[in-house]
PDB file of N, CA and C in Angstrom:
ATOM      1  N   MET A   1      36.392 -82.774 135.289  1.00  0.00           N
ATOM      2  CA  MET A   1      36.924 -81.455 135.537  1.00  0.00           C
ATOM      3  C   MET A   1      38.058 -81.118 134.582  1.00  0.00           C
ATOM      4  N   GLY A   2      38.786 -82.119 134.145  1.00  0.00           N
ATOM      5  CA  GLY A   2      39.884 -81.835 133.238  1.00  0.00           C
ATOM      6  C   GLY A   2      41.119 -81.342 133.964  1.00  0.00           C
ATOM      7  N   THR A   3      42.018 -80.752 133.229  1.00  0.00           N
ATOM      8  CA  THR A   3      43.253 -80.231 133.786  1.00  0.00           C
ATOM      9  C   THR A   3      42.975 -78.907 134.489  1.00  0.00           C
ATOM     10  N   LEU A   4      43.439 -78.792 135.706  1.00  0.00           N
ATOM     11  CA  LEU A   4      43.248 -77.564 136.464  1.00  0.00           C
ATOM     12  C   LEU A   4      44.421 -76.620 136.234  1.00  0.00           C
ATOM     13  N   PRO A   5      44.173 -75.334 136.147  1.00  0.00           N
ATOM     14  CA  PRO A   5      45.255 -74.374 135.901  1.00  0.00           C
ATOM     15  C   PRO A   5      45.975 -73.955 137.184  1.00  0.00           C
ATOM     16  N   TYR A   6      45.829 -74.742 138.228  1.00  0.00           N
ATOM     17  CA  TYR A   6      46.463 -74.433 139.517  1.00  0.00           C
ATOM     18  C   TYR A   6      46.742 -75.746 140.244  1.00  0.00           C
ATOM     19  N   PRO A   7      47.694 -75.762 141.139  1.00  0.00           N
ATOM     20  CA  PRO A   7      48.013 -76.995 141.860  1.00  0.00           C
ATOM     21  C   PRO A   7      47.036 -77.252 143.006  1.00  0.00           C
ATOM     22  N   LEU A   8      46.837 -78.527 143.311  1.00  0.00           N
ATOM     23  CA  LEU A   8      46.066 -78.938 144.476  1.00  0.00           C
ATOM     24  C   LEU A   8      47.013 -79.618 145.463  1.00  0.00           C
ATOM     25  N   LEU A   9      46.630 -79.630 146.721  1.00  0.00           N
ATOM     26  CA  LEU A   9      47.474 -80.189 147.766  1.00  0.00           C
ATOM     27  C   LEU A   9      46.937 -81.526 148.245  1.00  0.00           C
ATOM     28  N   SER A  10      47.812 -82.503 148.382  1.00  0.00           N
ATOM     29  CA  SER A  10      47.483 -83.770 149.013  1.00  0.00           C
ATOM     30  C   SER A  10      48.298 -83.849 150.298  1.00  0.00           C
ATOM     31  N   ASP A  11      47.661 -84.221 151.392  1.00  0.00           N
ATOM     32  CA  ASP A  11      48.307 -84.144 152.710  1.00  0.00           C
ATOM     33  C   ASP A  11      48.149 -85.464 153.468  1.00  0.00           C
ATOM     34  N   TRP A  12      48.764 -86.505 152.950  1.00  0.00           N
ATOM     35  CA  TRP A  12      48.619 -87.842 153.525  1.00  0.00           C
ATOM     36  C   TRP A  12      49.053 -87.917 154.984  1.00  0.00           C
ATOM     37  N   HIS A  13      50.048 -87.141 155.363  1.00  0.00           N
ATOM     38  CA  HIS A  13      50.587 -87.224 156.728  1.00  0.00           C
ATOM     39  C   HIS A  13      50.000 -86.165 157.660  1.00  0.00           C
ATOM     40  N   LYS A  14      49.026 -85.418 157.150  1.00  0.00           N
ATOM     41  CA  LYS A  14      48.263 -84.434 157.937  1.00  0.00           C
ATOM     42  C   LYS A  14      49.118 -83.316 158.521  1.00  0.00           C
ATOM     43  N   GLN A  15      50.245 -83.038 157.928  1.00  0.00           N
ATOM     44  CA  GLN A  15      51.109 -81.969 158.411  1.00  0.00           C
ATOM     45  C   GLN A  15      50.545 -80.593 158.074  1.00  0.00           C
ATOM     46  N   THR A  16      50.066 -80.450 156.850  1.00  0.00           N
ATOM     47  CA  THR A  16      49.571 -79.148 156.412  1.00  0.00           C
ATOM     48  C   THR A  16      48.283 -78.767 157.131  1.00  0.00           C
ATOM     49  N   VAL A  17      47.361 -79.719 157.286  1.00  0.00           N
ATOM     50  CA  VAL A  17      46.106 -79.380 157.975  1.00  0.00           C
ATOM     51  C   VAL A  17      46.356 -78.961 159.415  1.00  0.00           C
ATOM     52  N   LYS A  18      47.366 -79.521 160.019  1.00  0.00           N
ATOM     53  CA  LYS A  18      47.714 -79.115 161.386  1.00  0.00           C
ATOM     54  C   LYS A  18      48.323 -77.711 161.390  1.00  0.00           C
ATOM     55  N   GLN A  19      49.189 -77.430 160.429  1.00  0.00           N
ATOM     56  CA  GLN A  19      49.802 -76.100 160.345  1.00  0.00           C
ATOM     57  C   GLN A  19      48.763 -75.023 160.050  1.00  0.00           C
ATOM     58  N   TYR A  20      47.772 -75.360 159.249  1.00  0.00           N
ATOM     59  CA  TYR A  20      46.723 -74.403 158.891  1.00  0.00           C
ATOM     60  C   TYR A  20      45.564 -74.425 159.890  1.00  0.00           C
ATOM     61  N   GLN A  21      45.704 -75.222 160.916  1.00  0.00           N
ATOM     62  CA  GLN A  21      44.731 -75.319 162.012  1.00  0.00           C
ATOM     63  C   GLN A  21      43.337 -75.717 161.536  1.00  0.00           C
ATOM     64  N   VAL A  22      43.288 -76.688 160.638  1.00  0.00           N
ATOM     65  CA  VAL A  22      42.010 -77.219 160.177  1.00  0.00           C
ATOM     66  C   VAL A  22      42.000 -78.749 160.338  1.00  0.00           C
ATOM     67  N   PHE A  23      42.611 -79.214 161.424  1.00  0.00           N
ATOM     68  CA  PHE A  23      42.679 -80.645 161.724  1.00  0.00           C
ATOM     69  C   PHE A  23      41.666 -80.979 162.799  1.00  0.00           C
ATOM     70  N   ASN A  24      40.804 -81.941 162.509  1.00  0.00           N
ATOM     71  CA  ASN A  24      39.818 -82.413 163.466  1.00  0.00           C
ATOM     72  C   ASN A  24      40.433 -83.549 164.272  1.00  0.00           C
ATOM     73  N   GLN A  25      40.821 -83.268 165.499  1.00  0.00           N
ATOM     74  CA  GLN A  25      41.478 -84.266 166.355  1.00  0.00           C
ATOM     75  C   GLN A  25      40.605 -85.497 166.567  1.00  0.00           C
ATOM     76  N   LYS A  26      39.318 -85.279 166.777  1.00  0.00           N
ATOM     77  CA  LYS A  26      38.410 -86.380 167.093  1.00  0.00           C
ATOM     78  C   LYS A  26      38.356 -87.419 165.973  1.00  0.00           C
ATOM     79  N   GLY A  27      38.183 -86.958 164.756  1.00  0.00           N
ATOM     80  CA  GLY A  27      38.089 -87.883 163.634  1.00  0.00           C
ATOM     81  C   GLY A  27      39.394 -88.090 162.904  1.00  0.00           C
ATOM     82  N   GLU A  28      40.424 -87.348 163.304  1.00  0.00           N
ATOM     83  CA  GLU A  28      41.729 -87.358 162.645  1.00  0.00           C
ATOM     84  C   GLU A  28      41.597 -87.120 161.145  1.00  0.00           C
ATOM     85  N   THR A  29      40.772 -86.146 160.812  1.00  0.00           N
ATOM     86  CA  THR A  29      40.562 -85.762 159.416  1.00  0.00           C
ATOM     87  C   THR A  29      40.684 -84.252 159.294  1.00  0.00           C
ATOM     88  N   ALA A  30      40.775 -83.804 158.081  1.00  0.00           N
ATOM     89  CA  ALA A  30      40.793 -82.365 157.839  1.00  0.00           C
ATOM     90  C   ALA A  30      39.375 -81.817 157.926  1.00  0.00           C
ATOM     91  N   ILE A  31      39.258 -80.618 158.438  1.00  0.00           N
ATOM     92  CA  ILE A  31      37.993 -79.897 158.381  1.00  0.00           C
ATOM     93  C   ILE A  31      37.865 -79.385 156.953  1.00  0.00           C
ATOM     94  N   ARG A  32      36.713 -79.633 156.340  1.00  0.00           N
ATOM     95  CA  ARG A  32      36.532 -79.203 154.947  1.00  0.00           C
ATOM     96  C   ARG A  32      36.748 -77.698 154.865  1.00  0.00           C
ATOM     97  N   SER A  33      37.769 -77.308 154.127  1.00  0.00           N
ATOM     98  CA  SER A  33      38.171 -75.907 154.066  1.00  0.00           C
ATOM     99  C   SER A  33      38.639 -75.565 152.666  1.00  0.00           C
ATOM    100  N   VAL A  34      38.598 -74.281 152.364  1.00  0.00           N
ATOM    101  CA  VAL A  34      39.133 -73.781 151.102  1.00  0.00           C
ATOM    102  C   VAL A  34      40.083 -72.638 151.406  1.00  0.00           C
ATOM    103  N   PHE A  35      41.275 -72.745 150.857  1.00  0.00           N
ATOM    104  CA  PHE A  35      42.276 -71.682 150.939  1.00  0.00           C
ATOM    105  C   PHE A  35      42.617 -71.292 149.513  1.00  0.00           C
ATOM    106  N   VAL A  36      42.569 -70.014 149.223  1.00  0.00           N
ATOM    107  CA  VAL A  36      43.048 -69.525 147.930  1.00  0.00           C
ATOM    108  C   VAL A  36      44.358 -68.798 148.225  1.00  0.00           C
ATOM    109  N   VAL A  37      45.400 -69.233 147.537  1.00  0.00           N
ATOM    110  CA  VAL A  37      46.734 -68.693 147.765  1.00  0.00           C
ATOM    111  C   VAL A  37      47.217 -68.051 146.469  1.00  0.00           C
ATOM    112  N   ASN A  38      47.673 -66.809 146.559  1.00  0.00           N
ATOM    113  CA  ASN A  38      48.129 -66.128 145.342  1.00  0.00           C
ATOM    114  C   ASN A  38      49.544 -66.564 144.971  1.00  0.00           C
ATOM    115  N   LYS A  39      50.063 -66.019 143.891  1.00  0.00           N
ATOM    116  CA  LYS A  39      51.375 -66.432 143.377  1.00  0.00           C
ATOM    117  C   LYS A  39      52.518 -66.132 144.334  1.00  0.00           C
ATOM    118  N   THR A  40      52.334 -65.160 145.215  1.00  0.00           N
ATOM    119  CA  THR A  40      53.396 -64.833 146.176  1.00  0.00           C
ATOM    120  C   THR A  40      53.251 -65.608 147.478  1.00  0.00           C
ATOM    121  N   GLY A  41      52.248 -66.495 147.548  1.00  0.00           N
ATOM    122  CA  GLY A  41      52.081 -67.341 148.721  1.00  0.00           C
ATOM    123  C   GLY A  41      51.185 -66.776 149.810  1.00  0.00           C
ATOM    124  N   ASP A  42      50.527 -65.660 149.524  1.00  0.00           N
ATOM    125  CA  ASP A  42      49.616 -65.060 150.498  1.00  0.00           C
ATOM    126  C   ASP A  42      48.236 -65.698 150.394  1.00  0.00           C
ATOM    127  N   ILE A  43      47.625 -65.982 151.529  1.00  0.00           N
ATOM    128  CA  ILE A  43      46.255 -66.483 151.537  1.00  0.00           C
ATOM    129  C   ILE A  43      45.333 -65.299 151.286  1.00  0.00           C
ATOM    130  N   THR A  44      44.600 -65.372 150.184  1.00  0.00           N
ATOM    131  CA  THR A  44      43.703 -64.275 149.828  1.00  0.00           C
ATOM    132  C   THR A  44      42.255 -64.585 150.180  1.00  0.00           C
ATOM    133  N   TYR A  45      41.971 -65.842 150.479  1.00  0.00           N
ATOM    134  CA  TYR A  45      40.613 -66.252 150.832  1.00  0.00           C
ATOM    135  C   TYR A  45      40.684 -67.488 151.693  1.00  0.00           C
ATOM    136  N   LEU A  46      39.819 -67.548 152.689  1.00  0.00           N
ATOM    137  CA  LEU A  46      39.787 -68.690 153.604  1.00  0.00           C
ATOM    138  C   LEU A  46      38.347 -68.962 154.003  1.00  0.00           C
ATOM    139  N   ASN A  47      37.937 -70.214 153.885  1.00  0.00           N
ATOM    140  CA  ASN A  47      36.626 -70.632 154.368  1.00  0.00           C
ATOM    141  C   ASN A  47      36.817 -71.972 155.066  1.00  0.00           C
ATOM    142  N   THR A  48      36.728 -71.989 156.390  1.00  0.00           N
ATOM    143  CA  THR A  48      36.908 -73.224 157.160  1.00  0.00           C
ATOM    144  C   THR A  48      35.571 -73.877 157.512  1.00  0.00           C
ATOM    145  N   SER A  49      34.517 -73.406 156.891  1.00  0.00           N
ATOM    146  CA  SER A  49      33.207 -74.044 157.085  1.00  0.00           C
ATOM    147  C   SER A  49      32.542 -74.277 155.722  1.00  0.00           C
ATOM    148  N   PHE A  50      33.371 -74.593 154.727  1.00  0.00           N
ATOM    149  CA  PHE A  50      32.885 -74.808 153.360  1.00  0.00           C
ATOM    150  C   PHE A  50      31.880 -75.951 153.343  1.00  0.00           C
ATOM    151  N   LYS A  51      30.753 -75.707 152.714  1.00  0.00           N
ATOM    152  CA  LYS A  51      29.703 -76.722 152.573  1.00  0.00           C
ATOM    153  C   LYS A  51      29.596 -77.112 151.106  1.00  0.00           C
ATOM    154  N   ALA A  52      29.824 -78.383 150.828  1.00  0.00           N
ATOM    155  CA  ALA A  52      29.821 -78.855 149.443  1.00  0.00           C
ATOM    156  C   ALA A  52      28.459 -78.726 148.784  1.00  0.00           C
ATOM    157  N   ASP A  53      27.409 -78.609 149.577  1.00  0.00           N
ATOM    158  CA  ASP A  53      26.074 -78.504 148.995  1.00  0.00           C
ATOM    159  C   ASP A  53      25.566 -77.062 148.930  1.00  0.00           C
ATOM    160  N   LYS A  54      26.438 -76.088 149.264  1.00  0.00           N
ATOM    161  CA  LYS A  54      26.039 -74.680 149.229  1.00  0.00           C
ATOM    162  C   LYS A  54      26.615 -73.991 147.994  1.00  0.00           C
ATOM    163  N   LYS A  55      25.747 -73.638 147.086  1.00  0.00           N
ATOM    164  CA  LYS A  55      26.166 -72.954 145.866  1.00  0.00           C
ATOM    165  C   LYS A  55      26.921 -71.667 146.190  1.00  0.00           C
ATOM    166  N   GLU A  56      26.492 -70.976 147.235  1.00  0.00           N
ATOM    167  CA  GLU A  56      27.109 -69.706 147.621  1.00  0.00           C
ATOM    168  C   GLU A  56      28.589 -69.883 147.986  1.00  0.00           C
ATOM    169  N   ASP A  57      28.922 -71.011 148.595  1.00  0.00           N
ATOM    170  CA  ASP A  57      30.320 -71.249 148.956  1.00  0.00           C
ATOM    171  C   ASP A  57      31.184 -71.376 147.703  1.00  0.00           C
ATOM    172  N   TYR A  58      30.681 -72.080 146.702  1.00  0.00           N
ATOM    173  CA  TYR A  58      31.411 -72.203 145.438  1.00  0.00           C
ATOM    174  C   TYR A  58      31.538 -70.850 144.743  1.00  0.00           C
ATOM    175  N   GLU A  59      30.450 -70.108 144.734  1.00  0.00           N
ATOM    176  CA  GLU A  59      30.470 -68.801 144.079  1.00  0.00           C
ATOM    177  C   GLU A  59      31.492 -67.872 144.733  1.00  0.00           C
ATOM    178  N   ALA A  60      31.603 -67.933 146.053  1.00  0.00           N
ATOM    179  CA  ALA A  60      32.582 -67.098 146.759  1.00  0.00           C
ATOM    180  C   ALA A  60      34.005 -67.482 146.352  1.00  0.00           C
ATOM    181  N   VAL A  61      34.278 -68.772 146.268  1.00  0.00           N
ATOM    182  CA  VAL A  61      35.615 -69.238 145.869  1.00  0.00           C
ATOM    183  C   VAL A  61      35.913 -68.807 144.442  1.00  0.00           C
ATOM    184  N   PHE A  62      34.974 -69.046 143.538  1.00  0.00           N
ATOM    185  CA  PHE A  62      35.198 -68.670 142.146  1.00  0.00           C
ATOM    186  C   PHE A  62      35.386 -67.169 141.996  1.00  0.00           C
ATOM    187  N   GLY A  63      34.672 -66.397 142.799  1.00  0.00           N
ATOM    188  CA  GLY A  63      34.849 -64.944 142.788  1.00  0.00           C
ATOM    189  C   GLY A  63      36.254 -64.545 143.197  1.00  0.00           C
ATOM    190  N   GLU A  64      36.775 -65.202 144.210  1.00  0.00           N
ATOM    191  CA  GLU A  64      38.145 -64.923 144.656  1.00  0.00           C
ATOM    192  C   GLU A  64      39.161 -65.351 143.613  1.00  0.00           C
ATOM    193  N   LEU A  65      38.931 -66.492 142.983  1.00  0.00           N
ATOM    194  CA  LEU A  65      39.846 -66.941 141.927  1.00  0.00           C
ATOM    195  C   LEU A  65      39.832 -65.984 140.748  1.00  0.00           C
ATOM    196  N   GLU A  66      38.674 -65.455 140.425  1.00  0.00           N
ATOM    197  CA  GLU A  66      38.562 -64.487 139.340  1.00  0.00           C
ATOM    198  C   GLU A  66      39.390 -63.245 139.648  1.00  0.00           C
ATOM    199  N   LYS A  67      39.389 -62.815 140.878  1.00  0.00           N
ATOM    200  CA  LYS A  67      40.188 -61.643 141.279  1.00  0.00           C
ATOM    201  C   LYS A  67      41.671 -61.888 141.016  1.00  0.00           C
ATOM    202  N   LEU A  68      42.120 -63.112 141.244  1.00  0.00           N
ATOM    203  CA  LEU A  68      43.543 -63.430 141.028  1.00  0.00           C
ATOM    204  C   LEU A  68      43.909 -63.390 139.565  1.00  0.00           C
ATOM    205  N   THR A  69      42.986 -63.730 138.711  1.00  0.00           N
ATOM    206  CA  THR A  69      43.311 -63.772 137.282  1.00  0.00           C
ATOM    207  C   THR A  69      43.213 -62.405 136.621  1.00  0.00           C
ATOM    208  N   THR A  70      42.588 -61.444 137.324  1.00  0.00           N
ATOM    209  CA  THR A  70      42.437 -60.111 136.724  1.00  0.00           C
ATOM    210  C   THR A  70      43.425 -59.096 137.304  1.00  0.00           C
ATOM    211  N   THR A  71      44.256 -59.524 138.241  1.00  0.00           N
ATOM    212  CA  THR A  71      45.219 -58.588 138.829  1.00  0.00           C
ATOM    213  C   THR A  71      46.622 -58.881 138.360  1.00  0.00           C
TER     214      THR A  71
END
């Protein structure tokens, strides 16, 4: 993938997933989710049922990211 032009989040202590309400209590893991956050900290896109094998899910995320780079 190379260098990404945006930061990614690592949440070893599961604080963020709990705050964003995407914590699976049963498995004590994060629910696979995508949040796109703009430069002012607003969530512009949210998918809490992201499927890694669904091309459409990726296309939706990339579409939202494209909107951020053109505004």
